[in-house]
C-alpha cells in the first residue's frame, strides 16, 4: 500500500493498483497443506510428494491416464532452460497441487506452476564463501521434502533450509557441520512426524558419516546418529583402534519409512580409506542398510552388503518396501540393487537375508555364507597389487533409483556393465583432502562388449531377470513405473523412453533433448490430467570418474545443459 500511496494521486489509480494486486494474488495457485496424514497416504495422492513419491520408495504411480495404448501420443507441454550448464541435474520434480519444486546444481530451488510452467519464485543458496572442495561427485542436489506449508532443501555447505512453499521466503536455516573439511549434503530430505531427516556425504574424505533429524518447525536438532560406531557402541569392535573417527560411511541418499512398524531404513556408504588393508574388520555400518527408530535415531538392526569393502561398492542405494513370496514363504521385504552387482531381498522386520542374486557380472563379492556376503580375497587390491574385478566402483547400479511395480511384481533397474583395474597406494588422513589409498580405471565388461548400460527387469519373487534393454551408452537415470503398464526412464543421449512394463518393448521415445539425462523422472496429475516431467542435464560422477567409459567418444560428446521438460497427452 505504501507503493500505491507513493505513485497514485487519485482514488481511481489506487483502485486499479489494488485490483491488479488482488488479481496477481488470485492467479497464484492455492497450496495444499502437507500433513503427516498427507504423507502417510502419498501413494494415493495425485502429486509426487517426496523423493520416491511415497514412503515405500517404490517410484510407482497408480495412474492409468497415460498407458500402453496412448503413450505414443505424448507431447511436450512446457519446458524451462536453466543457465547453469556445466553440472549434472539430478533432482526429481516434486509436485503438490499445482506447485512444482525442483532443484538445480549449486543449490538453486525453483517453484513453478506445474501445469503452465510459470516460474513462481526462485531461491539460490549463497555459496560464495564455500570452496566445495570436498563435494563428491559434482555439485548436485537431489531435491526437496515437503511438510506443512514449507519446502526443505539440504545444501552443499551443510545447511538444511526451510522455505515458505508459496513465497520462497526463508523460514529457518540450520548448518549441521562446517563445509570443506570432508562433509557436504546433496540428498533430498525426508520428513517424518514433525522431523526433517538428512544424511551427509564425505566417504571419499574420511568424514565420519551421520544421519540427523531436525524439528520441522524450528530446525532444532532432535537426534543425531553416527553411521560409524565408537568403540563403546554396538559394532565398534569391527574397526581398528581410532579408525572410526575417519571411517566414512556417508548417508547421502534419501531413506525409506515403514509406518506400520515405525521404522526408518537408511543406506550407508563406503568406508574410509578405500584401501581395506588399512582398516581390517567388517567396518560396520558401512555398505549396509540400517533400521532406526525415527523418534530417537537408535539402530534396531543392520544388513551389510559388502563386508570390509575395498572396491567403493557403497550401500546407499534406495531400499524399497514390497511384499514377496519366495520359495513358498511370504515376506515383508526390502529390495535393493547394490553397487556391488547383487540384487537383494531382505526381511524388513528382522534384517535377515531372503535372497541375493547378481544382476551384472560380480566377481569381488562372490557368494553367501550363513546369510552373509562373502568376498574373494584374491581380488582385494593392496599396495603393489593390482586386480581386475567387476563391477567397477561406479557399480552395477549407481545412485539412480530403481522402481518397483506392485502389479507386474517386477523391479526395474538402471544398470551398467563395467569392470575396473584397482591397486593400493599409500595414504594418510588430512581433513579436507581425499582419503582413498587406491588408484583405478573403469573399463568395459568383457562379457558385454560395446554395451555400457542396461535396463533390467527383475522378478521379485525369484530374483531372476525377466527382460532387459541393452544400451551402448551408460544408463544413468532413475526409473518410474505406473498403473498404465509403463516404465519411464531417460537415456544418456537425451531421450525419455516409455517401456512396456511387462515386456520391455519401447512404446514411445521422446524427441531428442538438449542434454543427456541423469535426473529422476516423476509423474503426477492436476485437474485430472497426467503429466511426466524430468531434467535433462548431463553431469554427475560418470564424466568425472568414468575412466574408459568417460573417454568413449559417444559419452565424451554428450552435451551439457539444464533443461526441464514436462510431457502430457
Protein backbone atom coordinates (compact mmCIF):
# COMPACT_ATOMS: atom_id res chain seq x y z
CA UNK A 1 0.00 0.00 0.00
CA UNK A 2 2.95 2.36 0.52
CA UNK A 3 3.74 1.90 -3.17
CA UNK A 4 0.17 2.81 -4.07
CA UNK A 5 0.28 5.95 -1.92
CA UNK A 6 3.62 6.98 -3.38
CA UNK A 7 2.61 6.76 -7.03
CA UNK A 8 -1.17 7.09 -7.09
CA UNK A 9 -2.69 10.55 -6.78
CA UNK A 10 -6.31 9.62 -7.42
CA UNK A 11 -8.81 7.22 -5.94
CA UNK A 12 -9.20 5.60 -9.39
CA UNK A 13 -5.47 4.89 -9.61
CA UNK A 14 -5.49 3.42 -6.11
CA UNK A 15 -8.42 1.17 -7.02
CA UNK A 16 -6.73 -0.01 -10.24
CA UNK A 17 -3.48 -0.91 -8.47
CA UNK A 18 -5.37 -2.67 -5.68
CA UNK A 19 -7.30 -4.67 -8.24
CA UNK A 20 -4.11 -5.60 -10.04
CA UNK A 21 -2.57 -6.76 -6.77
CA UNK A 22 -5.64 -8.82 -5.94
CA UNK A 23 -5.60 -10.37 -9.42
CA UNK A 24 -1.94 -11.28 -9.06
CA UNK A 25 -2.62 -12.90 -5.69
CA UNK A 26 -5.63 -14.76 -7.10
CA UNK A 27 -3.53 -16.00 -10.02
CA UNK A 28 -1.16 -17.78 -7.64
CA UNK A 29 -2.36 -21.37 -7.22
CA UNK A 30 -3.60 -22.43 -3.80
CA UNK A 31 -1.13 -24.55 -1.85
CA UNK A 32 -2.44 -27.74 -0.19
CA UNK A 33 -1.05 -28.09 3.33
CA UNK A 34 1.07 -31.24 3.70
CA UNK A 35 0.20 -33.02 6.95
CA UNK A 36 1.57 -36.28 8.29
CA UNK A 37 -1.66 -37.89 7.08
CA UNK A 38 -0.93 -36.49 3.61
CA UNK A 39 2.50 -38.11 3.63
CA UNK A 40 1.18 -41.37 5.05
CA UNK A 41 -1.26 -41.51 2.12
CA UNK A 42 1.13 -40.17 -0.54
CA UNK A 43 0.69 -43.35 -2.60
CA UNK A 44 -2.90 -42.31 -3.42
CA UNK A 45 -2.17 -38.59 -3.84
CA UNK A 46 -2.31 -37.07 -7.32
CA UNK A 47 1.01 -35.33 -6.81
CA UNK A 48 4.56 -36.55 -6.30
CA UNK A 49 5.13 -35.51 -2.69
CA UNK A 50 8.60 -36.83 -1.88
CA UNK A 51 11.79 -38.09 -3.46
CA UNK A 52 10.42 -41.52 -4.47
CA UNK A 53 6.75 -40.45 -4.33
CA UNK A 54 5.81 -42.20 -1.07
CA UNK A 55 7.43 -43.75 1.99
CA UNK A 56 7.88 -47.16 0.32
CA UNK A 57 10.40 -45.59 -2.10
CA UNK A 58 8.95 -47.65 -4.96
CA UNK A 59 8.78 -44.87 -7.56
CA UNK A 60 5.37 -46.13 -8.67
CA UNK A 61 2.26 -44.07 -9.51
CA UNK A 62 -1.26 -45.57 -9.71
CA UNK A 63 -2.16 -43.50 -12.79
CA UNK A 64 -3.65 -45.02 -15.95
CA UNK A 65 -4.41 -41.89 -17.99
CA UNK A 66 -1.16 -42.36 -19.90
CA UNK A 67 -0.99 -46.05 -20.75
CA UNK A 68 0.32 -48.60 -23.20
CA UNK A 69 -2.38 -47.78 -25.77
CA UNK A 70 -1.87 -44.00 -25.91
CA UNK A 71 1.66 -43.23 -24.69
CA UNK A 72 2.76 -42.77 -28.30
CA UNK A 73 0.75 -39.54 -28.27
CA UNK A 74 2.82 -37.86 -25.52
CA UNK A 75 3.84 -34.29 -26.40
CA UNK A 76 5.87 -31.61 -24.69
CA UNK A 77 3.60 -29.26 -22.72
CA UNK A 78 6.19 -26.82 -21.41
CA UNK A 79 9.89 -26.61 -20.67
CA UNK A 80 12.37 -24.40 -18.86
CA UNK A 81 16.03 -23.78 -19.61
CA UNK A 82 18.29 -23.05 -16.63
CA UNK A 83 21.52 -21.08 -17.16
CA UNK A 84 23.77 -23.43 -15.15
CA UNK A 85 25.03 -25.67 -17.94
CA UNK A 86 28.21 -27.42 -16.80
CA UNK A 87 27.00 -29.63 -13.92
CA UNK A 88 24.57 -32.51 -13.52
CA UNK A 89 20.84 -32.08 -12.95
CA UNK A 90 19.65 -34.90 -10.67
CA UNK A 91 16.52 -33.61 -8.89
CA UNK A 92 13.08 -35.16 -9.44
CA UNK A 93 10.30 -32.58 -9.81
CA UNK A 94 8.20 -32.66 -6.62
CA UNK A 95 4.54 -31.72 -7.15
CA UNK A 96 1.87 -30.74 -4.62
CA UNK A 97 -1.37 -29.42 -6.07
CA UNK A 98 -0.34 -27.08 -8.90
CA UNK A 99 3.07 -26.36 -7.33
CA UNK A 100 6.23 -27.94 -8.67
CA UNK A 101 9.53 -27.73 -6.76
CA UNK A 102 12.78 -28.74 -8.40
CA UNK A 103 16.41 -28.07 -7.53
CA UNK A 104 19.47 -27.43 -9.68
CA UNK A 105 23.22 -27.82 -9.26
CA UNK A 106 24.78 -25.39 -6.79
CA UNK A 107 21.64 -25.37 -4.65
CA UNK A 108 19.04 -23.38 -6.51
CA UNK A 109 15.38 -24.14 -5.79
CA UNK A 110 12.75 -23.29 -8.39
CA UNK A 111 8.99 -23.21 -7.82
CA UNK A 112 6.72 -23.44 -10.87
CA UNK A 113 3.05 -23.55 -11.58
CA UNK A 114 3.08 -27.21 -12.51
CA UNK A 115 0.55 -27.06 -15.34
CA UNK A 116 1.78 -23.93 -17.11
CA UNK A 117 5.48 -23.68 -16.31
CA UNK A 118 5.10 -20.20 -14.85
CA UNK A 119 8.06 -19.52 -12.53
CA UNK A 120 6.56 -18.55 -9.17
CA UNK A 121 9.79 -17.95 -7.25
CA UNK A 122 13.46 -18.85 -7.14
CA UNK A 123 15.83 -19.34 -4.21
CA UNK A 124 19.61 -19.51 -4.56
CA UNK A 125 21.81 -20.60 -1.67
CA UNK A 126 24.77 -18.28 -1.25
CA UNK A 127 27.83 -20.50 -1.67
CA UNK A 128 30.30 -17.69 -2.32
CA UNK A 129 32.23 -18.41 0.89
CA UNK A 130 32.29 -22.19 0.34
CA UNK A 131 35.11 -23.81 -1.61
CA UNK A 132 33.14 -27.02 -2.32
CA UNK A 133 36.42 -28.92 -2.50
CA UNK A 134 35.01 -31.92 -0.62
CA UNK A 135 31.87 -32.41 -2.71
CA UNK A 136 31.77 -35.79 -4.44
CA UNK A 137 30.80 -36.21 -7.21
CA UNK A 138 29.68 -33.00 -8.93
CA UNK A 139 27.95 -30.08 -7.18
CA UNK A 140 24.48 -31.59 -7.50
CA UNK A 141 21.27 -31.52 -5.50
CA UNK A 142 18.70 -34.34 -5.46
CA UNK A 143 15.58 -32.48 -4.44
CA UNK A 144 13.32 -31.36 -1.63
CA UNK A 145 10.90 -32.53 1.04
CA UNK A 146 7.52 -31.03 1.95
CA UNK A 147 5.75 -30.60 5.27
CA UNK A 148 3.07 -28.15 6.42
CA UNK A 149 3.45 -25.02 4.28
CA UNK A 150 7.23 -25.42 3.97
CA UNK A 151 9.66 -26.89 1.49
CA UNK A 152 13.02 -28.20 2.75
CA UNK A 153 16.36 -28.43 0.99
CA UNK A 154 19.78 -29.73 2.09
CA UNK A 155 22.76 -27.83 0.72
CA UNK A 156 26.37 -28.32 -0.30
CA UNK A 157 27.58 -26.23 2.65
CA UNK A 158 25.67 -28.48 5.07
CA UNK A 159 22.62 -26.34 5.79
CA UNK A 160 19.06 -27.53 5.97
CA UNK A 161 16.92 -24.65 4.69
CA UNK A 162 13.18 -24.35 5.31
CA UNK A 163 11.29 -22.03 2.95
CA UNK A 164 7.70 -20.88 2.68
CA UNK A 165 6.32 -23.02 -0.13
CA UNK A 166 4.18 -20.22 -1.60
CA UNK A 167 6.70 -17.40 -1.49
CA UNK A 168 10.19 -18.88 -1.25
CA UNK A 169 10.95 -16.83 1.86
CA UNK A 170 13.44 -18.49 4.22
CA UNK A 171 11.71 -19.50 7.47
CA UNK A 172 14.78 -21.02 9.14
CA UNK A 173 18.13 -22.49 8.24
CA UNK A 174 20.45 -24.68 10.28
CA UNK A 175 24.04 -25.65 9.49
CA UNK A 176 24.88 -29.16 10.69
CA UNK A 177 28.65 -29.05 10.24
CA UNK A 178 31.22 -26.84 8.52
CA UNK A 179 31.94 -27.41 4.81
CA UNK A 180 35.32 -28.05 3.16
CA UNK A 181 36.56 -30.39 5.90
CA UNK A 182 35.04 -33.51 4.35
CA UNK A 183 31.29 -33.04 4.54
CA UNK A 184 28.59 -31.97 2.07
CA UNK A 185 24.90 -32.68 1.51
CA UNK A 186 23.35 -33.50 -1.86
CA UNK A 187 20.34 -35.63 -0.89
CA UNK A 188 16.64 -34.83 -0.72
CA UNK A 189 15.48 -34.67 2.92
CA UNK A 190 12.77 -36.95 4.27
CA UNK A 191 10.01 -35.58 6.52
CA UNK A 192 8.52 -37.93 9.13
CA UNK A 193 6.37 -36.93 12.12
CA UNK A 194 7.43 -33.30 12.53
CA UNK A 195 11.05 -34.11 11.69
CA UNK A 196 13.27 -33.31 8.72
CA UNK A 197 15.79 -36.13 8.33
CA UNK A 198 19.01 -35.83 6.32
CA UNK A 199 22.35 -37.59 5.89
CA UNK A 200 25.79 -36.36 4.89
CA UNK A 201 28.28 -37.21 2.15
CA UNK A 202 32.02 -37.46 2.70
CA UNK A 203 33.20 -41.08 2.47
CA UNK A 204 35.93 -40.13 -0.01
CA UNK A 205 37.36 -37.68 2.55
CA UNK A 206 37.28 -39.82 5.67
CA UNK A 207 34.35 -37.88 7.13
CA UNK A 208 32.51 -39.84 9.82
CA UNK A 209 29.01 -40.18 8.46
CA UNK A 210 25.84 -39.34 10.34
CA UNK A 211 22.08 -39.09 9.94
CA UNK A 212 20.36 -36.22 11.72
CA UNK A 213 16.75 -35.30 12.47
CA UNK A 214 15.68 -31.67 12.91
CA UNK A 215 12.42 -30.24 14.23
CA UNK A 216 10.44 -29.34 11.11
CA UNK A 217 9.07 -26.12 12.64
CA UNK A 218 12.23 -24.73 14.22
CA UNK A 219 15.28 -26.52 12.81
CA UNK A 220 16.41 -27.59 16.28
CA UNK A 221 18.29 -30.91 16.42
CA UNK A 222 16.15 -33.81 17.65
CA UNK A 223 18.71 -36.61 17.29
CA UNK A 224 21.96 -37.46 15.54
CA UNK A 225 23.15 -41.00 14.80
CA UNK A 226 26.67 -41.70 13.58
CA UNK A 227 26.88 -44.42 10.96
CA UNK A 228 30.34 -45.42 12.23
CA UNK A 229 30.06 -46.59 15.86
CA UNK A 230 32.52 -45.54 18.55
CA UNK A 231 34.44 -48.29 20.40
CA UNK A 232 31.89 -48.41 23.25
CA UNK A 233 28.91 -48.80 20.91
CA UNK A 234 27.50 -51.90 19.16
CA UNK A 235 29.68 -52.60 16.13
CA UNK A 236 32.54 -50.50 17.44
CA UNK A 237 34.78 -53.57 17.68
CA UNK A 238 34.65 -54.00 13.88
CA UNK A 239 37.21 -51.20 13.46
CA UNK A 240 40.89 -50.90 14.39
CA UNK A 241 41.66 -48.54 17.27
CA UNK A 242 40.84 -44.93 16.37
CA UNK A 243 39.78 -45.73 12.78
CA UNK A 244 36.12 -44.92 13.42
CA UNK A 245 36.96 -41.20 13.50
CA UNK A 246 37.81 -41.24 9.79
CA UNK A 247 35.67 -44.20 8.81
CA UNK A 248 33.50 -42.68 6.09
CA UNK A 249 30.02 -44.14 5.93
CA UNK A 250 28.22 -41.26 4.26
CA UNK A 251 24.42 -41.48 4.20
CA UNK A 252 23.92 -39.43 1.07
CA UNK A 253 20.67 -40.79 -0.34
CA UNK A 254 17.12 -40.44 0.99
CA UNK A 255 15.79 -43.13 3.31
CA UNK A 256 12.55 -45.12 3.48
CA UNK A 257 9.95 -45.14 6.26
CA UNK A 258 7.71 -48.03 7.37
CA UNK A 259 4.75 -46.50 9.19
CA UNK A 260 3.41 -49.94 10.20
CA UNK A 261 6.46 -50.68 12.37
CA UNK A 262 7.59 -47.05 12.82
CA UNK A 263 10.98 -47.89 11.31
CA UNK A 264 13.32 -45.74 9.26
CA UNK A 265 15.57 -47.51 6.74
CA UNK A 266 18.73 -45.74 5.53
CA UNK A 267 21.62 -46.80 3.34
CA UNK A 268 25.22 -46.22 4.46
CA UNK A 269 28.12 -45.64 2.09
CA UNK A 270 31.71 -46.73 1.68
CA UNK A 271 34.36 -46.86 4.42
CA UNK A 272 37.41 -44.62 4.54
CA UNK A 273 40.05 -45.01 3.36
CA UNK A 274 39.10 -47.12 0.33
CA UNK A 275 42.07 -49.44 0.84
CA UNK A 276 40.82 -52.07 3.27
CA UNK A 277 44.24 -53.33 4.39
CA UNK A 278 44.42 -50.11 6.45
CA UNK A 279 41.26 -50.98 8.44
CA UNK A 280 40.81 -54.74 8.99
CA UNK A 281 37.38 -55.83 10.22
CA UNK A 282 33.81 -55.73 8.93
CA UNK A 283 33.73 -51.93 9.38
CA UNK A 284 30.10 -51.53 10.45
CA UNK A 285 27.86 -49.91 9.42
CA UNK A 286 29.47 -49.11 6.07
CA UNK A 287 27.99 -50.67 2.92
CA UNK A 288 24.86 -51.50 4.92
CA UNK A 289 21.21 -50.71 5.36
CA UNK A 290 20.35 -49.75 8.92
CA UNK A 291 16.91 -49.79 10.52
CA UNK A 292 16.29 -47.00 13.02
CA UNK A 293 13.69 -45.68 15.40
CA UNK A 294 12.67 -42.35 13.82
CA UNK A 295 11.86 -40.85 17.23
CA UNK A 296 15.36 -41.39 18.64
CA UNK A 297 17.66 -42.49 15.81
CA UNK A 298 18.52 -45.69 17.68
CA UNK A 299 19.65 -48.52 15.39
CA UNK A 300 17.40 -51.60 15.52
CA UNK A 301 19.27 -53.87 13.08
CA UNK A 302 21.51 -53.78 10.04
CA UNK A 303 22.40 -55.81 6.98
CA UNK A 304 25.83 -55.39 5.36
CA UNK A 305 26.07 -55.82 1.58
CA UNK A 306 29.89 -55.75 1.33
CA UNK A 307 31.94 -56.50 4.47
CA UNK A 308 35.32 -54.75 4.70
CA UNK A 309 34.68 -53.03 1.36
CA UNK A 310 37.80 -52.15 -0.61
CA UNK A 311 36.16 -51.52 -4.02
CA UNK A 312 33.98 -48.48 -3.11
CA UNK A 313 30.81 -50.52 -3.51
CA UNK A 314 28.91 -48.30 -1.10
CA UNK A 315 25.50 -49.19 0.32
CA UNK A 316 23.40 -46.06 -0.03
CA UNK A 317 21.14 -47.36 -2.79
CA UNK A 318 17.45 -46.92 -2.07
CA UNK A 319 15.69 -49.66 -0.11
CA UNK A 320 12.21 -50.30 -1.49
CA UNK A 321 9.46 -51.76 0.65
CA UNK A 322 7.46 -54.52 -1.02
CA UNK A 323 5.99 -57.92 -0.23
CA UNK A 324 7.35 -61.04 -1.90
CA UNK A 325 6.69 -64.78 -1.97
CA UNK A 326 9.98 -66.62 -2.14
CA UNK A 327 10.23 -70.40 -2.19
CA UNK A 328 6.75 -70.80 -0.77
CA UNK A 329 7.09 -68.28 2.04
CA UNK A 330 5.64 -64.77 2.29
CA UNK A 331 7.88 -61.90 3.36
CA UNK A 332 7.62 -58.22 4.12
CA UNK A 333 10.75 -57.24 2.28
CA UNK A 334 13.19 -54.50 1.43
CA UNK A 335 14.70 -54.81 -2.04
CA UNK A 336 17.69 -53.00 -3.46
CA UNK A 337 20.10 -53.24 -6.38
CA UNK A 338 23.52 -52.70 -4.86
CA UNK A 339 26.60 -51.16 -6.41
CA UNK A 340 28.39 -54.46 -5.75
CA UNK A 341 26.31 -56.05 -8.54
CA UNK A 342 23.89 -58.05 -6.38
CA UNK A 343 20.12 -57.63 -6.11
CA UNK A 344 18.96 -58.11 -2.51
CA UNK A 345 15.71 -59.01 -0.80
CA UNK A 346 15.90 -58.53 2.97
CA UNK A 347 13.26 -59.22 5.62
CA UNK A 348 12.39 -55.72 6.77
CA UNK A 349 11.09 -56.99 10.11
CA UNK A 350 14.36 -58.52 11.34
CA UNK A 351 17.06 -57.67 8.78
CA UNK A 352 17.66 -61.28 7.68
CA UNK A 353 18.60 -62.03 4.09
CA UNK A 354 15.86 -63.61 1.97
CA UNK A 355 17.92 -63.88 -1.21
CA UNK A 356 20.70 -62.14 -3.10
CA UNK A 357 21.41 -62.67 -6.79
CA UNK A 358 23.86 -60.93 -9.14
CA UNK A 359 22.25 -58.78 -11.83
CA UNK A 360 25.54 -57.87 -13.57
CA UNK A 361 28.97 -59.51 -13.57
CA UNK A 362 30.07 -59.62 -9.92
CA UNK A 363 33.44 -61.13 -9.09
CA UNK A 364 34.72 -59.49 -5.89
CA UNK A 365 31.55 -60.09 -3.88
CA UNK A 366 31.26 -63.74 -4.79
CA UNK A 367 28.66 -65.51 -2.66
CA UNK A 368 26.66 -66.04 0.52
CA UNK A 369 27.52 -67.99 3.66
CA UNK A 370 25.15 -68.25 6.63
CA UNK A 371 23.11 -65.35 5.27
CA UNK A 372 26.13 -63.05 4.97
CA UNK A 373 28.01 -61.94 1.86
CA UNK A 374 31.45 -63.33 1.10
CA UNK A 375 34.27 -61.75 -0.91
CA UNK A 376 37.20 -63.05 -2.95
CA UNK A 377 40.47 -62.35 -1.14
CA UNK A 378 42.39 -62.76 -4.40
CA UNK A 379 40.55 -59.73 -5.81
CA UNK A 380 41.43 -57.42 -2.93
CA UNK A 381 43.92 -54.72 -4.02
CA UNK A 382 46.97 -53.87 -1.92
CA UNK A 383 49.97 -51.62 -2.20
CA UNK A 384 51.93 -53.13 -5.08
CA UNK A 385 49.00 -55.36 -6.10
CA UNK A 386 46.60 -54.53 -8.95
CA UNK A 387 43.46 -56.57 -9.61
CA UNK A 388 40.83 -56.67 -12.34
CA UNK A 389 37.33 -57.02 -10.96
CA UNK A 390 33.66 -56.43 -11.77
CA UNK A 391 31.70 -54.31 -11.38
CA UNK A 392 33.73 -51.10 -11.24
CA UNK A 393 33.43 -48.78 -8.26
CA UNK A 394 30.70 -46.94 -10.17
CA UNK A 395 28.69 -50.07 -9.59
CA UNK A 396 26.33 -52.42 -11.32
CA UNK A 397 23.97 -49.58 -10.44
CA UNK A 398 24.96 -46.24 -9.01
CA UNK A 399 22.61 -43.89 -7.14
CA UNK A 400 19.87 -43.76 -9.80
CA UNK A 401 16.79 -45.29 -8.17
CA UNK A 402 15.01 -48.47 -9.18
CA UNK A 403 11.23 -48.66 -9.37
CA UNK A 404 9.01 -51.49 -8.15
CA UNK A 405 5.65 -52.15 -9.81
CA UNK A 406 3.21 -53.93 -7.47
CA UNK A 407 1.12 -55.11 -10.44
CA UNK A 408 3.85 -56.76 -12.52
CA UNK A 409 5.76 -57.53 -9.30
CA UNK A 410 8.98 -56.54 -11.00
CA UNK A 411 11.82 -54.22 -10.08
CA UNK A 412 13.22 -52.06 -12.86
CA UNK A 413 16.95 -51.45 -12.54
CA UNK A 414 19.08 -48.86 -14.38
CA UNK A 415 22.27 -50.90 -14.71
CA UNK A 416 25.83 -50.56 -16.01
CA UNK A 417 28.23 -53.19 -17.34
CA UNK A 418 31.65 -52.04 -16.16
CA UNK A 419 34.75 -53.56 -14.60
CA UNK A 420 37.95 -51.95 -13.33
CA UNK A 421 41.58 -52.28 -12.52
CA UNK A 422 42.33 -51.14 -8.99
CA UNK A 423 45.50 -51.11 -6.89
CA UNK A 424 46.59 -49.84 -3.49
CA UNK A 425 48.64 -46.72 -2.75
CA UNK A 426 49.95 -45.14 0.41
CA UNK A 427 47.71 -42.52 2.03
CA UNK A 428 47.46 -40.51 5.23
CA UNK A 429 44.39 -38.73 6.59
CA UNK A 430 44.20 -34.95 6.46
CA UNK A 431 40.89 -33.15 6.87
CA UNK A 432 39.54 -31.85 3.57
CA UNK A 433 41.78 -34.00 1.34
CA UNK A 434 40.82 -37.22 -0.47
CA UNK A 435 41.31 -40.30 1.70
CA UNK A 436 41.40 -43.17 -0.79
CA UNK A 437 44.65 -45.15 -0.85
CA UNK A 438 43.78 -46.62 -4.24
CA UNK A 439 44.06 -45.80 -7.93
CA UNK A 440 41.72 -47.24 -10.53
CA UNK A 441 40.39 -47.21 -14.06
CA UNK A 442 36.86 -48.00 -15.24
CA UNK A 443 36.84 -50.46 -18.13
CA UNK A 444 34.35 -52.39 -20.23
CA UNK A 445 32.99 -55.73 -19.03
CA UNK A 446 34.43 -58.34 -21.45
CA UNK A 447 31.15 -60.25 -21.24
CA UNK A 448 29.23 -57.23 -22.60
CA UNK A 449 31.34 -55.69 -25.40
CA UNK A 450 30.05 -52.38 -26.76
CA UNK A 451 27.41 -52.21 -24.03
CA UNK A 452 27.94 -49.81 -21.12
CA UNK A 453 24.32 -49.75 -19.97
CA UNK A 454 21.17 -51.77 -19.49
CA UNK A 455 17.62 -51.53 -18.18
CA UNK A 456 16.88 -54.78 -16.35
CA UNK A 457 13.53 -56.04 -15.09
CA UNK A 458 13.76 -58.46 -12.15
CA UNK A 459 11.01 -60.81 -10.96
CA UNK A 460 10.77 -60.02 -7.24
CA UNK A 461 9.52 -63.46 -6.24
CA UNK A 462 12.57 -65.19 -7.73
CA UNK A 463 15.29 -62.57 -8.17
CA UNK A 464 15.63 -63.68 -11.80
CA UNK A 465 15.74 -61.33 -14.76
CA UNK A 466 12.51 -61.02 -16.76
CA UNK A 467 13.65 -58.72 -19.57
CA UNK A 468 16.37 -56.23 -20.37
CA UNK A 469 17.05 -53.35 -22.74
CA UNK A 470 20.76 -53.06 -23.62
CA UNK A 471 22.39 -49.71 -24.32
CA UNK A 472 25.71 -48.78 -25.89
CA UNK A 473 25.76 -45.78 -23.54
CA UNK A 474 25.70 -45.97 -19.73
CA UNK A 475 22.16 -45.96 -18.32
CA UNK A 476 22.36 -43.22 -15.69
CA UNK A 477 18.74 -42.36 -14.96
CA UNK A 478 16.14 -43.38 -12.40
CA UNK A 479 13.05 -45.44 -13.14
CA UNK A 480 9.34 -44.66 -12.71
CA UNK A 481 6.56 -47.21 -13.21
CA UNK A 482 2.81 -46.63 -13.46
CA UNK A 483 -0.52 -48.46 -13.34
CA UNK A 484 -0.78 -47.65 -17.03
CA UNK A 485 1.62 -50.52 -17.66
CA UNK A 486 4.58 -48.23 -18.33
CA UNK A 487 8.13 -47.68 -17.14
CA UNK A 488 9.74 -44.29 -17.81
CA UNK A 489 13.47 -43.60 -17.83
CA UNK A 490 15.83 -41.26 -19.66
CA UNK A 491 18.95 -42.10 -21.65
CA UNK A 492 22.43 -40.59 -21.72
CA UNK A 493 21.94 -39.42 -25.28
CA UNK A 494 18.90 -37.35 -24.34
CA UNK A 495 15.71 -39.34 -24.87
CA UNK A 496 12.91 -40.16 -22.46
CA UNK A 497 11.74 -43.75 -23.01
CA UNK A 498 8.43 -45.38 -22.18
CA UNK A 499 8.78 -49.17 -21.89
CA UNK A 500 6.04 -51.76 -21.67
CA UNK A 501 6.39 -52.80 -18.03
CA UNK A 502 5.68 -56.47 -18.78
CA UNK A 503 7.86 -56.99 -21.84
CA UNK A 504 10.38 -54.13 -22.08
CA UNK A 505 9.16 -53.15 -25.54
CA UNK A 506 9.80 -49.47 -26.31
CA UNK A 507 6.36 -47.89 -26.77
CA UNK A 508 7.47 -44.26 -27.03
CA UNK A 509 10.69 -42.29 -27.33
CA UNK A 510 10.69 -38.53 -26.91
CA UNK A 511 12.22 -36.12 -29.39
CA UNK A 512 15.91 -35.62 -28.66
CA UNK A 513 16.52 -33.36 -25.69
CA UNK A 514 19.25 -30.76 -25.38
CA UNK A 515 21.40 -32.80 -22.96
CA UNK A 516 21.86 -36.28 -21.56
CA UNK A 517 19.64 -37.41 -18.69
CA UNK A 518 20.63 -38.30 -15.13
CA UNK A 519 17.69 -36.58 -13.41
CA UNK A 520 14.90 -38.72 -11.96
CA UNK A 521 11.55 -38.56 -13.79
CA UNK A 522 8.25 -38.12 -11.97
CA UNK A 523 4.61 -38.36 -12.99
CA UNK A 524 1.66 -36.51 -11.44
CA UNK A 525 -1.87 -35.26 -12.04
CA UNK A 526 -3.51 -31.85 -11.81
CA UNK A 527 -7.20 -31.35 -12.59
CA UNK A 528 -7.48 -34.93 -13.81
CA UNK A 529 -4.64 -34.68 -16.33
CA UNK A 530 -1.48 -36.77 -16.03
CA UNK A 531 1.97 -35.33 -16.73
CA UNK A 532 5.52 -36.72 -16.89
CA UNK A 533 8.47 -34.48 -16.05
CA UNK A 534 12.26 -34.61 -15.72
CA UNK A 535 15.50 -32.66 -16.05
CA UNK A 536 17.89 -33.18 -18.92
CA UNK A 537 21.35 -32.14 -17.75
CA UNK A 538 24.38 -34.40 -18.16
CA UNK A 539 26.98 -34.50 -15.41
CA UNK A 540 27.46 -36.33 -12.13
CA UNK A 541 30.08 -39.00 -11.48
CA UNK A 542 30.38 -40.63 -14.90
CA UNK A 543 32.13 -37.75 -16.75
CA UNK A 544 34.47 -37.17 -13.78
CA UNK A 545 35.38 -40.70 -12.65
CA UNK A 546 34.28 -42.80 -15.63
CA UNK A 547 37.72 -43.84 -16.95
CA UNK A 548 37.49 -45.63 -20.30
CA UNK A 549 33.72 -45.16 -20.28
CA UNK A 550 34.04 -41.38 -19.94
CA UNK A 551 36.63 -41.37 -22.73
CA UNK A 552 34.31 -43.22 -25.11
CA UNK A 553 33.65 -40.60 -27.85
CA UNK A 554 29.89 -41.22 -27.66
CA UNK A 555 29.96 -40.48 -23.92
CA UNK A 556 32.53 -37.70 -24.06
CA UNK A 557 30.49 -35.76 -26.64
CA UNK A 558 27.21 -35.76 -24.67
CA UNK A 559 26.19 -32.07 -24.49
CA UNK A 560 25.74 -30.31 -21.15
CA UNK A 561 22.88 -28.07 -20.06
CA UNK A 562 19.91 -27.84 -17.72
CA UNK A 563 16.53 -28.23 -19.41
CA UNK A 564 13.34 -29.16 -17.56
CA UNK A 565 10.73 -30.96 -19.70
CA UNK A 566 7.05 -31.66 -19.00
CA UNK A 567 5.01 -34.01 -21.21
CA UNK A 568 1.33 -34.94 -21.41
CA UNK A 569 -1.23 -36.27 -23.87
